[in-house]
Amino acid sequence: GDFSAAAPAIFAHDASPAGLCGEIGHDASGRLMLKPGALMQANGGYLVIEAWRLAAEPQGWAALARAL
């Protein structure tokens, strides 16, 4: 692979489980739709989440702890 590109830095503003882990659903025509969360967007880079956002969203903290 090409390792010359810098690792991405993602600033998560949504600390909900769906915001961190993503969602699976259907679009208007019924096809499967994947919405990547902040963890997938970081993809080996850096994920920055403000602590107060995690404190305000306990389910988000639990989802992040399971992922780590």
Protein backbone atom coordinates (compact mmCIF):
# COMPACT_ATOMS: atom_id res chain seq x y z
CA GLY A 1 0.00 0.00 0.00
CA ASP A 2 0.87 3.64 -0.24
CA PHE A 3 1.92 4.84 3.21
CA SER A 4 2.93 8.33 2.09
CA ALA A 5 -0.51 9.81 2.85
CA ALA A 6 -1.08 11.29 6.30
CA ALA A 7 -3.41 9.47 8.68
CA PRO A 8 -6.84 11.11 8.84
CA ALA A 9 -7.93 13.07 11.89
CA ILE A 10 -11.67 12.86 12.50
CA PHE A 11 -13.40 15.15 15.00
CA ALA A 12 -16.57 13.41 16.20
CA HIS A 13 -19.38 15.83 17.03
CA ASP A 14 -21.98 13.07 17.44
CA ALA A 15 -21.10 10.77 20.35
CA SER A 16 -24.16 8.54 19.95
CA PRO A 17 -23.61 4.86 19.13
CA ALA A 18 -24.84 5.47 15.57
CA GLY A 19 -22.55 8.45 15.21
CA LEU A 20 -19.51 6.49 16.38
CA CYS A 21 -20.20 3.04 14.90
CA GLY A 22 -22.42 3.87 11.92
CA GLU A 23 -25.82 2.70 10.78
CA ILE A 24 -27.27 0.10 8.44
CA GLY A 25 -30.60 0.87 6.84
CA HIS A 26 -32.46 1.21 3.57
CA ASP A 27 -32.65 4.14 1.17
CA ALA A 28 -35.85 5.44 -0.45
CA SER A 29 -35.78 2.74 -3.13
CA GLY A 30 -35.34 -0.08 -0.60
CA ARG A 31 -31.67 -0.78 -1.28
CA LEU A 32 -29.28 -1.47 1.58
CA MET A 33 -27.54 1.67 2.79
CA LEU A 34 -24.44 1.83 4.98
CA LYS A 35 -23.61 5.06 6.80
CA PRO A 36 -20.09 4.86 8.24
CA GLY A 37 -19.52 6.17 11.74
CA ALA A 38 -16.60 8.18 13.05
CA LEU A 39 -14.60 5.04 13.93
CA MET A 40 -14.73 3.80 10.35
CA GLN A 41 -14.01 7.25 8.95
CA ALA A 42 -10.85 7.49 11.09
CA ASN A 43 -9.69 4.15 9.60
CA GLY A 44 -6.41 3.85 11.47
CA GLY A 45 -5.96 7.58 11.92
CA TYR A 46 -6.96 9.74 14.85
CA LEU A 47 -10.41 10.04 16.37
CA VAL A 48 -10.95 13.11 18.57
CA ILE A 49 -14.03 13.16 20.83
CA GLU A 50 -14.59 15.79 23.48
CA ALA A 51 -15.02 14.19 26.91
CA TRP A 52 -18.20 16.13 27.72
CA ARG A 53 -19.86 14.66 24.62
CA LEU A 54 -19.16 11.13 25.87
CA ALA A 55 -20.30 12.06 29.39
CA ALA A 56 -23.57 13.35 27.96
CA GLU A 57 -24.09 10.17 25.90
CA PRO A 58 -23.52 7.07 28.09
CA GLN A 59 -24.54 4.67 25.30
CA GLY A 60 -21.89 6.25 23.07
CA TRP A 61 -19.25 5.65 25.72
CA ALA A 62 -20.33 2.00 25.98
CA ALA A 63 -20.16 1.58 22.18
CA LEU A 64 -16.71 3.15 22.06
CA ALA A 65 -15.48 0.94 24.91
CA ARG A 66 -16.74 -2.18 23.10
CA ALA A 67 -15.01 -1.11 19.87
CA LEU A 68 -11.71 -0.49 21.61
